[in-house]
């Protein structure tokens, strides 16, 4: 692990290089620490653990820069920190996922964009530093796009696994008014039965509990997963297009310049 002295030196250098990004980083850390103290006082230890995890995640970019001998642009670092804060502190601890419609969708879109940038940077560094590999702009962009989508799929696997093992509902539910199914086909011949105009669903458990869902039928995560992958795809396509144009025209765009990991000069 990176020694504390070296890490503090990196923070000092970051302040000299980009005062705005460093200030933003410090503000987020202070907000996380205040949230941690609040949750310890209220004995919400699960949320406190999330705060500690976020503080650890904030150290990873500097650690990766040291280990991989690369430079992460201040803007990209700031977006990563903001994404972590929005997903864990605002989303999980402060329950923005439930309180603000579209919060999860927004983050998955940004996730697709960011991981396309990461994939693009990694393959670009490999392509640039190897004598045996010379990918065209199209294939380099394709690999970056596939990298982003793979991360998105793996995250959905993780959400599904957490829901099945710990019943945490990371795959958010949707209320739908109709669905097609072959399970209700009385002849069991695979014919699709369309159940539509659903206004109310009643769930009865073996323990005698009853749950009433007004407005339709509860879809447990399938639509959420598809929606997340779709917006991840949109984010990945947007950055892949930016990266492709930058390579094809040999004109580095301002967006690509601020989001691409580079070797240290």
C-alpha atoms as a PDB file:
ATOM      1  CA  UNK A   1       0.000   0.000   0.000  1.00  0.00           C
ATOM      2  CA  UNK A   2       1.052   3.561  -0.587  1.00  0.00           C
ATOM      3  CA  UNK A   3       2.692   5.107   2.455  1.00  0.00           C
ATOM      4  CA  UNK A   4       0.812   7.918   4.181  1.00  0.00           C
ATOM      5  CA  UNK A   5       3.601  10.415   3.560  1.00  0.00           C
ATOM      6  CA  UNK A   6       3.612   9.747  -0.176  1.00  0.00           C
ATOM      7  CA  UNK A   7      -0.158  10.026  -0.347  1.00  0.00           C
ATOM      8  CA  UNK A   8      -0.135  13.382   1.500  1.00  0.00           C
ATOM      9  CA  UNK A   9       2.520  14.581  -0.924  1.00  0.00           C
ATOM     10  CA  UNK A  10       0.256  13.591  -3.815  1.00  0.00           C
ATOM     11  CA  UNK A  11      -2.593  15.592  -2.291  1.00  0.00           C
ATOM     12  CA  UNK A  12      -0.300  18.590  -1.964  1.00  0.00           C
ATOM     13  CA  UNK A  13       0.746  18.262  -5.602  1.00  0.00           C
ATOM     14  CA  UNK A  14      -2.905  17.914  -6.615  1.00  0.00           C
ATOM     15  CA  UNK A  15      -3.639  21.206  -4.862  1.00  0.00           C
ATOM     16  CA  UNK A  16      -0.861  22.896  -6.797  1.00  0.00           C
ATOM     17  CA  UNK A  17      -1.960  21.401 -10.120  1.00  0.00           C
ATOM     18  CA  UNK A  18      -5.687  22.079  -9.809  1.00  0.00           C
ATOM     19  CA  UNK A  19      -6.930  24.005  -6.796  1.00  0.00           C
ATOM     20  CA  UNK A  20     -10.587  23.713  -7.806  1.00  0.00           C
ATOM     21  CA  UNK A  21     -10.519  19.908  -8.084  1.00  0.00           C
ATOM     22  CA  UNK A  22      -8.624  19.575  -4.819  1.00  0.00           C
ATOM     23  CA  UNK A  23     -11.113  21.841  -3.004  1.00  0.00           C
ATOM     24  CA  UNK A  24     -13.998  19.802  -4.396  1.00  0.00           C
ATOM     25  CA  UNK A  25     -12.299  16.615  -3.169  1.00  0.00           C
ATOM     26  CA  UNK A  26     -11.852  18.039   0.346  1.00  0.00           C
ATOM     27  CA  UNK A  27     -15.479  19.217   0.498  1.00  0.00           C
ATOM     28  CA  UNK A  28     -16.731  15.732  -0.395  1.00  0.00           C
ATOM     29  CA  UNK A  29     -14.480  14.117   2.221  1.00  0.00           C
ATOM     30  CA  UNK A  30     -15.734  16.532   4.904  1.00  0.00           C
ATOM     31  CA  UNK A  31     -19.358  15.796   3.947  1.00  0.00           C
ATOM     32  CA  UNK A  32     -18.701  12.053   4.180  1.00  0.00           C
ATOM     33  CA  UNK A  33     -17.031  12.467   7.581  1.00  0.00           C
ATOM     34  CA  UNK A  34     -19.972  14.516   8.865  1.00  0.00           C
ATOM     35  CA  UNK A  35     -22.373  11.851   7.570  1.00  0.00           C
ATOM     36  CA  UNK A  36     -20.261   9.176   9.286  1.00  0.00           C
ATOM     37  CA  UNK A  37     -20.397  11.027  12.620  1.00  0.00           C
ATOM     38  CA  UNK A  38     -24.160  11.513  12.296  1.00  0.00           C
ATOM     39  CA  UNK A  39     -24.761   7.823  11.664  1.00  0.00           C
ATOM     40  CA  UNK A  40     -22.508   6.772  14.539  1.00  0.00           C
ATOM     41  CA  UNK A  41     -24.423   9.092  16.893  1.00  0.00           C
ATOM     42  CA  UNK A  42     -27.764   7.699  15.675  1.00  0.00           C
ATOM     43  CA  UNK A  43     -26.336   4.140  15.851  1.00  0.00           C
ATOM     44  CA  UNK A  44     -27.002   3.505  12.182  1.00  0.00           C
ATOM     45  CA  UNK A  45     -23.933   1.327  11.818  1.00  0.00           C
ATOM     46  CA  UNK A  46     -24.802  -0.002   8.365  1.00  0.00           C
ATOM     47  CA  UNK A  47     -24.774   3.525   6.930  1.00  0.00           C
ATOM     48  CA  UNK A  48     -21.626   4.295   8.911  1.00  0.00           C
ATOM     49  CA  UNK A  49     -19.934   1.327   7.246  1.00  0.00           C
ATOM     50  CA  UNK A  50     -20.939   2.716   3.834  1.00  0.00           C
ATOM     51  CA  UNK A  51     -19.321   6.044   4.776  1.00  0.00           C
ATOM     52  CA  UNK A  52     -16.072   4.268   5.694  1.00  0.00           C
ATOM     53  CA  UNK A  53     -16.199   2.379   2.392  1.00  0.00           C
ATOM     54  CA  UNK A  54     -16.604   5.680   0.508  1.00  0.00           C
ATOM     55  CA  UNK A  55     -13.568   7.167   2.268  1.00  0.00           C
ATOM     56  CA  UNK A  56     -11.561   4.129   1.168  1.00  0.00           C
ATOM     57  CA  UNK A  57     -12.853   4.394  -2.413  1.00  0.00           C
ATOM     58  CA  UNK A  58     -11.737   8.043  -2.490  1.00  0.00           C
ATOM     59  CA  UNK A  59      -8.140   6.815  -2.047  1.00  0.00           C
ATOM     60  CA  UNK A  60      -8.187   4.442  -5.025  1.00  0.00           C
ATOM     61  CA  UNK A  61      -7.492   6.959  -7.871  1.00  0.00           C
ATOM     62  CA  UNK A  62      -4.262   8.165  -6.211  1.00  0.00           C
ATOM     63  CA  UNK A  63      -3.297   4.557  -5.485  1.00  0.00           C
ATOM     64  CA  UNK A  64      -3.870   3.528  -9.113  1.00  0.00           C
ATOM     65  CA  UNK A  65      -1.856   6.486 -10.364  1.00  0.00           C
ATOM     66  CA  UNK A  66       1.053   5.354  -8.205  1.00  0.00           C
ATOM     67  CA  UNK A  67       0.848   1.645  -9.052  1.00  0.00           C
ATOM     68  CA  UNK A  68       0.128   1.970 -12.790  1.00  0.00           C
ATOM     69  CA  UNK A  69       2.313   5.067 -13.296  1.00  0.00           C
ATOM     70  CA  UNK A  70      -0.488   6.967 -15.021  1.00  0.00           C
ATOM     71  CA  UNK A  71      -2.086  10.366 -14.627  1.00  0.00           C
ATOM     72  CA  UNK A  72      -5.832  10.739 -14.090  1.00  0.00           C
ATOM     73  CA  UNK A  73      -7.086  14.170 -15.248  1.00  0.00           C
ATOM     74  CA  UNK A  74      -8.493  16.321 -12.404  1.00  0.00           C
ATOM     75  CA  UNK A  75     -11.884  16.584 -14.104  1.00  0.00           C
ATOM     76  CA  UNK A  76     -12.127  12.796 -14.439  1.00  0.00           C
ATOM     77  CA  UNK A  77     -11.075  12.347 -10.810  1.00  0.00           C
ATOM     78  CA  UNK A  78     -13.694  14.857  -9.719  1.00  0.00           C
ATOM     79  CA  UNK A  79     -16.417  13.057 -11.684  1.00  0.00           C
ATOM     80  CA  UNK A  80     -15.384   9.733 -10.108  1.00  0.00           C
ATOM     81  CA  UNK A  81     -15.561  11.227  -6.603  1.00  0.00           C
ATOM     82  CA  UNK A  82     -18.923  12.854  -7.337  1.00  0.00           C
ATOM     83  CA  UNK A  83     -20.261   9.572  -8.750  1.00  0.00           C
ATOM     84  CA  UNK A  84     -19.192   7.628  -5.640  1.00  0.00           C
ATOM     85  CA  UNK A  85     -20.711  10.282  -3.373  1.00  0.00           C
ATOM     86  CA  UNK A  86     -23.977  10.386  -5.344  1.00  0.00           C
ATOM     87  CA  UNK A  87     -24.308   6.593  -5.466  1.00  0.00           C
ATOM     88  CA  UNK A  88     -23.367   5.701  -1.895  1.00  0.00           C
ATOM     89  CA  UNK A  89     -23.905   8.731   0.360  1.00  0.00           C
ATOM     90  CA  UNK A  90     -26.858  10.338  -1.416  1.00  0.00           C
ATOM     91  CA  UNK A  91     -28.290   7.183  -2.970  1.00  0.00           C
ATOM     92  CA  UNK A  92     -27.852   4.582  -0.220  1.00  0.00           C
ATOM     93  CA  UNK A  93     -27.405   6.542   3.027  1.00  0.00           C
ATOM     94  CA  UNK A  94     -29.817   9.392   2.273  1.00  0.00           C
ATOM     95  CA  UNK A  95     -32.189   7.167   0.246  1.00  0.00           C
ATOM     96  CA  UNK A  96     -32.211   9.249  -2.953  1.00  0.00           C
ATOM     97  CA  UNK A  97     -32.850   6.052  -4.920  1.00  0.00           C
ATOM     98  CA  UNK A  98     -36.310   5.878  -3.333  1.00  0.00           C
ATOM     99  CA  UNK A  99     -36.963   9.593  -2.880  1.00  0.00           C
ATOM    100  CA  UNK A 100     -35.926  10.981  -6.270  1.00  0.00           C
ATOM    101  CA  UNK A 101     -37.365   9.350  -9.417  1.00  0.00           C
ATOM    102  CA  UNK A 102     -34.680   8.743 -12.005  1.00  0.00           C
ATOM    103  CA  UNK A 103     -31.727   8.954  -9.589  1.00  0.00           C
ATOM    104  CA  UNK A 104     -30.723   5.348 -10.321  1.00  0.00           C
ATOM    105  CA  UNK A 105     -31.221   5.859 -14.059  1.00  0.00           C
ATOM    106  CA  UNK A 106     -29.006   8.954 -14.061  1.00  0.00           C
ATOM    107  CA  UNK A 107     -26.187   7.147 -12.256  1.00  0.00           C
ATOM    108  CA  UNK A 108     -26.312   4.126 -14.570  1.00  0.00           C
ATOM    109  CA  UNK A 109     -26.063   6.450 -17.575  1.00  0.00           C
ATOM    110  CA  UNK A 110     -23.015   8.169 -16.078  1.00  0.00           C
ATOM    111  CA  UNK A 111     -21.599   4.752 -15.194  1.00  0.00           C
ATOM    112  CA  UNK A 112     -21.742   3.675 -18.845  1.00  0.00           C
ATOM    113  CA  UNK A 113     -20.044   6.899 -19.919  1.00  0.00           C
ATOM    114  CA  UNK A 114     -17.285   6.686 -17.287  1.00  0.00           C
ATOM    115  CA  UNK A 115     -16.416   3.036 -17.852  1.00  0.00           C
ATOM    116  CA  UNK A 116     -16.278   3.595 -21.591  1.00  0.00           C
ATOM    117  CA  UNK A 117     -13.726   6.314 -20.804  1.00  0.00           C
ATOM    118  CA  UNK A 118     -11.777   3.924 -18.558  1.00  0.00           C
ATOM    119  CA  UNK A 119     -11.866   1.122 -21.130  1.00  0.00           C
ATOM    120  CA  UNK A 120     -10.906   3.515 -23.910  1.00  0.00           C
ATOM    121  CA  UNK A 121      -7.964   4.851 -21.885  1.00  0.00           C
ATOM    122  CA  UNK A 122      -6.648   1.423 -20.910  1.00  0.00           C
ATOM    123  CA  UNK A 123      -6.778   0.041 -24.446  1.00  0.00           C
ATOM    124  CA  UNK A 124      -5.342   3.280 -25.847  1.00  0.00           C
ATOM    125  CA  UNK A 125      -2.374   3.069 -23.443  1.00  0.00           C
ATOM    126  CA  UNK A 126      -1.823  -0.588 -24.390  1.00  0.00           C
ATOM    127  CA  UNK A 127      -2.135   0.170 -28.096  1.00  0.00           C
ATOM    128  CA  UNK A 128       0.238   3.117 -27.831  1.00  0.00           C
ATOM    129  CA  UNK A 129       2.897   1.347 -25.767  1.00  0.00           C
ATOM    130  CA  UNK A 130       3.023  -1.958 -27.638  1.00  0.00           C
ATOM    131  CA  UNK A 131       4.995  -2.758 -30.776  1.00  0.00           C
ATOM    132  CA  UNK A 132       2.879  -5.853 -31.479  1.00  0.00           C
ATOM    133  CA  UNK A 133      -0.577  -4.294 -31.115  1.00  0.00           C
ATOM    134  CA  UNK A 134      -1.885  -1.641 -33.482  1.00  0.00           C
ATOM    135  CA  UNK A 135      -5.655  -1.339 -33.234  1.00  0.00           C
ATOM    136  CA  UNK A 136      -7.570   0.867 -35.635  1.00  0.00           C
ATOM    137  CA  UNK A 137      -9.753   3.621 -34.122  1.00  0.00           C
ATOM    138  CA  UNK A 138     -12.853   1.497 -34.761  1.00  0.00           C
ATOM    139  CA  UNK A 139     -11.591  -1.586 -32.918  1.00  0.00           C
ATOM    140  CA  UNK A 140     -10.164   0.494 -30.081  1.00  0.00           C
ATOM    141  CA  UNK A 141     -13.542   2.171 -29.668  1.00  0.00           C
ATOM    142  CA  UNK A 142     -15.363  -1.176 -29.930  1.00  0.00           C
ATOM    143  CA  UNK A 143     -13.230  -2.657 -27.136  1.00  0.00           C
ATOM    144  CA  UNK A 144     -13.922   0.392 -24.951  1.00  0.00           C
ATOM    145  CA  UNK A 145     -17.667   0.059 -25.603  1.00  0.00           C
ATOM    146  CA  UNK A 146     -17.625  -3.671 -24.794  1.00  0.00           C
ATOM    147  CA  UNK A 147     -15.634  -2.983 -21.615  1.00  0.00           C
ATOM    148  CA  UNK A 148     -18.280  -0.551 -20.415  1.00  0.00           C
ATOM    149  CA  UNK A 149     -21.156  -2.918 -21.201  1.00  0.00           C
ATOM    150  CA  UNK A 150     -19.354  -5.833 -19.506  1.00  0.00           C
ATOM    151  CA  UNK A 151     -19.003  -3.793 -16.316  1.00  0.00           C
ATOM    152  CA  UNK A 152     -22.698  -2.912 -16.540  1.00  0.00           C
ATOM    153  CA  UNK A 153     -23.705  -6.581 -16.912  1.00  0.00           C
ATOM    154  CA  UNK A 154     -21.448  -7.674 -14.042  1.00  0.00           C
ATOM    155  CA  UNK A 155     -23.028  -5.017 -11.835  1.00  0.00           C
ATOM    156  CA  UNK A 156     -26.504  -6.337 -12.656  1.00  0.00           C
ATOM    157  CA  UNK A 157     -25.296  -9.841 -11.727  1.00  0.00           C
ATOM    158  CA  UNK A 158     -24.127  -8.381  -8.426  1.00  0.00           C
ATOM    159  CA  UNK A 159     -27.479  -6.689  -7.787  1.00  0.00           C
ATOM    160  CA  UNK A 160     -29.370  -9.906  -8.552  1.00  0.00           C
ATOM    161  CA  UNK A 161     -27.069 -11.924  -6.292  1.00  0.00           C
ATOM    162  CA  UNK A 162     -27.512  -9.463  -3.412  1.00  0.00           C
ATOM    163  CA  UNK A 163     -31.286  -9.586  -3.812  1.00  0.00           C
ATOM    164  CA  UNK A 164     -31.382 -13.389  -3.848  1.00  0.00           C
ATOM    165  CA  UNK A 165     -28.951 -13.874  -0.951  1.00  0.00           C
ATOM    166  CA  UNK A 166     -29.774 -10.930   1.322  1.00  0.00           C
ATOM    167  CA  UNK A 167     -33.227  -9.699   0.163  1.00  0.00           C
ATOM    168  CA  UNK A 168     -32.034  -6.091  -0.194  1.00  0.00           C
ATOM    169  CA  UNK A 169     -33.987  -5.124  -3.361  1.00  0.00           C
ATOM    170  CA  UNK A 170     -31.113  -3.577  -5.325  1.00  0.00           C
ATOM    171  CA  UNK A 171     -33.081  -4.407  -8.474  1.00  0.00           C
ATOM    172  CA  UNK A 172     -35.869  -1.932  -7.923  1.00  0.00           C
ATOM    173  CA  UNK A 173     -39.477  -3.007  -8.491  1.00  0.00           C
ATOM    174  CA  UNK A 174     -41.866  -1.679 -11.124  1.00  0.00           C
ATOM    175  CA  UNK A 175     -45.663  -1.758 -11.027  1.00  0.00           C
ATOM    176  CA  UNK A 176     -46.985  -2.885 -14.411  1.00  0.00           C
ATOM    177  CA  UNK A 177     -50.545  -3.086 -15.711  1.00  0.00           C
ATOM    178  CA  UNK A 178     -50.118  -6.013 -18.102  1.00  0.00           C
ATOM    179  CA  UNK A 179     -47.850  -8.914 -18.977  1.00  0.00           C
ATOM    180  CA  UNK A 180     -47.822 -11.967 -21.213  1.00  0.00           C
ATOM    181  CA  UNK A 181     -47.152 -15.433 -19.799  1.00  0.00           C
ATOM    182  CA  UNK A 182     -47.261 -19.087 -20.875  1.00  0.00           C
ATOM    183  CA  UNK A 183     -47.586 -20.237 -17.245  1.00  0.00           C
ATOM    184  CA  UNK A 184     -51.328 -19.435 -17.199  1.00  0.00           C
ATOM    185  CA  UNK A 185     -52.028 -21.366 -20.417  1.00  0.00           C
ATOM    186  CA  UNK A 186     -54.557 -24.011 -19.264  1.00  0.00           C
ATOM    187  CA  UNK A 187     -53.551 -26.444 -22.006  1.00  0.00           C
ATOM    188  CA  UNK A 188     -49.834 -26.031 -21.229  1.00  0.00           C
ATOM    189  CA  UNK A 189     -49.057 -25.808 -24.936  1.00  0.00           C
ATOM    190  CA  UNK A 190     -46.864 -22.718 -24.684  1.00  0.00           C
ATOM    191  CA  UNK A 191     -49.595 -20.342 -25.796  1.00  0.00           C
ATOM    192  CA  UNK A 192     -49.139 -16.827 -24.458  1.00  0.00           C
ATOM    193  CA  UNK A 193     -51.881 -15.577 -22.160  1.00  0.00           C
ATOM    194  CA  UNK A 194     -52.097 -11.780 -22.072  1.00  0.00           C
ATOM    195  CA  UNK A 195     -53.098 -10.454 -18.672  1.00  0.00           C
ATOM    196  CA  UNK A 196     -53.991  -6.778 -19.078  1.00  0.00           C
ATOM    197  CA  UNK A 197     -55.718  -3.881 -17.318  1.00  0.00           C
ATOM    198  CA  UNK A 198     -54.444  -5.070 -13.925  1.00  0.00           C
ATOM    199  CA  UNK A 199     -55.755  -2.747 -11.229  1.00  0.00           C
ATOM    200  CA  UNK A 200     -54.947  -4.647  -8.056  1.00  0.00           C
ATOM    201  CA  UNK A 201     -52.810  -7.566  -6.911  1.00  0.00           C
ATOM    202  CA  UNK A 202     -53.233  -9.480  -3.646  1.00  0.00           C
ATOM    203  CA  UNK A 203     -50.352 -11.543  -2.257  1.00  0.00           C
ATOM    204  CA  UNK A 204     -51.020 -14.144   0.444  1.00  0.00           C
ATOM    205  CA  UNK A 205     -48.145 -15.844   2.276  1.00  0.00           C
ATOM    206  CA  UNK A 206     -47.974 -19.208   4.007  1.00  0.00           C
ATOM    207  CA  UNK A 207     -47.692 -17.434   7.364  1.00  0.00           C
ATOM    208  CA  UNK A 208     -51.067 -15.781   6.807  1.00  0.00           C
ATOM    209  CA  UNK A 209     -49.824 -12.302   5.859  1.00  0.00           C
ATOM    210  CA  UNK A 210     -51.565 -10.431   3.060  1.00  0.00           C
ATOM    211  CA  UNK A 211     -50.104  -7.676   0.871  1.00  0.00           C
ATOM    212  CA  UNK A 212     -52.198  -5.544  -1.487  1.00  0.00           C
ATOM    213  CA  UNK A 213     -50.614  -3.811  -4.479  1.00  0.00           C
ATOM    214  CA  UNK A 214     -52.864  -1.123  -5.909  1.00  0.00           C
ATOM    215  CA  UNK A 215     -52.384  -0.021  -9.493  1.00  0.00           C
ATOM    216  CA  UNK A 216     -51.108  -3.227 -11.047  1.00  0.00           C
ATOM    217  CA  UNK A 217     -48.730  -6.151 -10.706  1.00  0.00           C
ATOM    218  CA  UNK A 218     -45.307  -6.004  -9.040  1.00  0.00           C
ATOM    219  CA  UNK A 219     -42.457  -6.743 -11.448  1.00  0.00           C
ATOM    220  CA  UNK A 220     -39.472  -7.748  -9.300  1.00  0.00           C
ATOM    221  CA  UNK A 221     -36.471  -6.258 -11.023  1.00  0.00           C
ATOM    222  CA  UNK A 222     -36.579  -7.416 -14.654  1.00  0.00           C
ATOM    223  CA  UNK A 223     -37.637  -4.078 -16.109  1.00  0.00           C
ATOM    224  CA  UNK A 224     -35.200  -2.244 -13.829  1.00  0.00           C
ATOM    225  CA  UNK A 225     -32.325  -4.407 -15.064  1.00  0.00           C
ATOM    226  CA  UNK A 226     -33.218  -3.817 -18.713  1.00  0.00           C
ATOM    227  CA  UNK A 227     -33.593  -0.087 -18.110  1.00  0.00           C
ATOM    228  CA  UNK A 228     -30.204   0.072 -16.367  1.00  0.00           C
ATOM    229  CA  UNK A 229     -28.473  -1.772 -19.207  1.00  0.00           C
ATOM    230  CA  UNK A 230     -30.164   0.453 -21.797  1.00  0.00           C
ATOM    231  CA  UNK A 231     -28.994   3.713 -20.195  1.00  0.00           C
ATOM    232  CA  UNK A 232     -25.553   2.163 -19.619  1.00  0.00           C
ATOM    233  CA  UNK A 233     -25.464   1.478 -23.363  1.00  0.00           C
ATOM    234  CA  UNK A 234     -26.407   5.102 -24.106  1.00  0.00           C
ATOM    235  CA  UNK A 235     -23.596   6.415 -21.905  1.00  0.00           C
ATOM    236  CA  UNK A 236     -21.100   3.992 -23.451  1.00  0.00           C
ATOM    237  CA  UNK A 237     -22.139   4.946 -27.002  1.00  0.00           C
ATOM    238  CA  UNK A 238     -21.780   8.670 -26.268  1.00  0.00           C
ATOM    239  CA  UNK A 239     -18.198   8.422 -25.019  1.00  0.00           C
ATOM    240  CA  UNK A 240     -17.241   5.823 -27.638  1.00  0.00           C
ATOM    241  CA  UNK A 241     -18.386   8.239 -30.343  1.00  0.00           C
ATOM    242  CA  UNK A 242     -16.333  11.051 -28.806  1.00  0.00           C
ATOM    243  CA  UNK A 243     -13.267   8.819 -28.553  1.00  0.00           C
ATOM    244  CA  UNK A 244     -13.652   7.524 -32.102  1.00  0.00           C
ATOM    245  CA  UNK A 245     -13.931  10.995 -33.603  1.00  0.00           C
ATOM    246  CA  UNK A 246     -10.890  12.135 -31.613  1.00  0.00           C
ATOM    247  CA  UNK A 247      -8.767   9.253 -32.928  1.00  0.00           C
ATOM    248  CA  UNK A 248     -10.106   9.353 -36.471  1.00  0.00           C
ATOM    249  CA  UNK A 249      -9.550  13.070 -36.950  1.00  0.00           C
ATOM    250  CA  UNK A 250      -6.420  13.226 -34.760  1.00  0.00           C
ATOM    251  CA  UNK A 251      -8.045  16.164 -32.986  1.00  0.00           C
ATOM    252  CA  UNK A 252      -8.319  15.625 -29.266  1.00  0.00           C
ATOM    253  CA  UNK A 253     -11.668  16.936 -28.068  1.00  0.00           C
ATOM    254  CA  UNK A 254     -11.864  18.837 -24.798  1.00  0.00           C
ATOM    255  CA  UNK A 255     -14.131  16.139 -23.344  1.00  0.00           C
ATOM    256  CA  UNK A 256     -11.807  13.292 -24.290  1.00  0.00           C
ATOM    257  CA  UNK A 257      -8.790  15.265 -23.043  1.00  0.00           C
ATOM    258  CA  UNK A 258     -10.356  15.684 -19.595  1.00  0.00           C
ATOM    259  CA  UNK A 259     -11.573  12.083 -19.332  1.00  0.00           C
ATOM    260  CA  UNK A 260      -8.706  10.012 -20.693  1.00  0.00           C
ATOM    261  CA  UNK A 261      -6.114   8.420 -18.399  1.00  0.00           C
ATOM    262  CA  UNK A 262      -2.625   9.175 -19.665  1.00  0.00           C
ATOM    263  CA  UNK A 263       0.880   7.876 -18.992  1.00  0.00           C
ATOM    264  CA  UNK A 264       2.957  10.099 -16.741  1.00  0.00           C
ATOM    265  CA  UNK A 265       5.262  12.296 -18.732  1.00  0.00           C
END
